[in-house]
Amino acid sequence: MSQIERLDFPDVPRSDLERSIEDLVANAHRVLATQGRLRHLLEANRAVVEHLDLEQVLRRIAEAAVSLVDAQYGALGVIAPDGHLEQFIHVGMPADAAEVIGHLPEGHGLLGAVIEAAEPIRLEHLHADPRSSGFPEHHPDMDGFLGVPIRVRDKIYGNLYLTNRLNGPFTQEDEDLVTALAATAGIAIDNARLFAEQATVSAELALIEERNRIARDLHDHVIQRLFGTGLGLQALVARVPEELRDKLGEQVDAIDVAIAEIRTAVFTLSSRSTTGTPAIRHQVLDVVSELSDSFATAPRLTFSGPVDLLIEGELASDVIAVVREGLSNVARHADSTQSSVDVSVTDDEVRVTIDDDGRGMPSSATRSSGTANLASRAANHGGEFALTARKPRGTSLRWSAPLPQSA
C-alpha cells in the first residue's frame, strides 16, 4: 500500500468519547477547584487561630470569610445578652463611607433574622426578602446575602454577614465553607477569651504580690523604726525639763497613732476576698477616699480586730452605710479641721466611731432623716446608735451592733 489510509471513527462513538472526555475534564476542574477552596479554608482557619487578642480574632474572622467566598463586603456582629448587636466589625467598606452612614447596625431586618433563626440564611437578592428593612442613606448597594451564626460552647456568640459575591450568587458550597470557618471561629474566640481571663488573673496576682511586698516592708521596717523612735523618746521623758515633758508625750502619742494607721494599711494591703466581694476594709477605704475631697484634711482611718472575717453580708452593708452617712454629715455640717473613722470588732459586737473637731451639735438638735436611718439600722440588729457632743468642740458618732453569732 503506497500510502497510509486515514482512519475515520464513526460519528456516534466519537461523540460519546468526546463527551466522556469533556466530563472527565470538567470533573477534574471541579475537583481542583474544590481542593483549592479547601486549601483556602485551611489557610483561613490557620489565620484565625494564630491570634489571641479578641479584637484581632474577630476582625481576622471577618476578613477570612470575605476572602474565602470572594465577597465584596463582610461583617461580624457580636450579640449582646438582650439579643441586639453590641459590636459590629465590618470589612470591605471604606472608613469614610462608614463614617458618612453614621451609626452601626442594631440588629434589625435581615441581621435580626439571622440572630433569631440561629442558622444560616442564604439569599440571591436580599432586597426581595420580606425581612429586609433596607439600607440607610449613603449605604453601598448590596444584593446577594449569606449569614452564618458563630457558636461558642453551644451558645450563639455572633454572626458572620457576607454580601455581594463577585462571581454570582452565594452557593451551597459557600455556605458550607463559611459554616466550617464559623466552627473554627468559635474555638478561636473561646481561646481568646480564656487567654484574656488568664492575663487578667496574672495581672491581679502580680498586683497582690506587690501589695504584699509593700505590706511586708511597712511592717518590717517602717513600723519597727517608728516603734524604736517612740521607745527612745519615752526614755528621754524623765531627763528633760518638766515643762517639755507634755510636748514630748504628745510626740510619743503621735507616733503611736502613726503606727496604728500604718498597721491598718498593712492589714488592708495584705487582705483579699476569696468570694469575689471586696473585703470590708477595702469598701470602707473606698468610701473614705470617695469623700476625702470634701474635707480640709482627709479623715484618719483605723481598724481593730478581725473585721474582714466577722463583718459580712447585711451587717457589712450597714457598716458601709454608717461610714458614708456619718462622714457625709461631717463634711456638710461640721466645718472641722480633723476627723477620724474607727471600725472595730470585739468578741461580741462591731463598733463604728466617727469623731470630728467641728462646730459641734446645735443646742436644739433634732434627728434628721440620715441619722434616723442610722438609728434604724442599729435597731434592726439589736444594736445602738448615739450622736453626742465632744469637748472642747466637735461631735462623736457611736454605732454598734452585735455580731450575728452572738446576737
Foldseek 3Di string as FASTA:
>chain_A
DPDDDDDDDDPPVVVVVVVVVVVVVVVVVVVVVVVVLVVLLVVLLVQLQVDQALVSNQQSLQVSLCVSQVFQKKKKFFADPVGWGPDIGIPNDDPVLVVVLPDDDTQAFVSVVCSVVQAKDWDQFSVPDPSHPDGGPSDDDWTTWIKGFADAPNHTGIIMITTHRPPGHDDPVSNVSSNVSSPSSNVSNVSSVVVVVVVVVVVVVVQLVVLLVVLCCCVVPVLVVLVVVLVVLVVCLVVDDPVCNVVSVVVSVVSVLVSQLSVLSSVQSNDADPVPDGFLSVLLVVLQVVCQVLAPGRAREGEEDPRRVQQDDPNSVLVSLCSNLVVVCCSPPFPFNYKYWYWYDDPWKIKIKIKTQGAWADPPDDDDPSQVVNQVSLVVQPWGWDWAADPPGIIMIMGMHTGVVRD
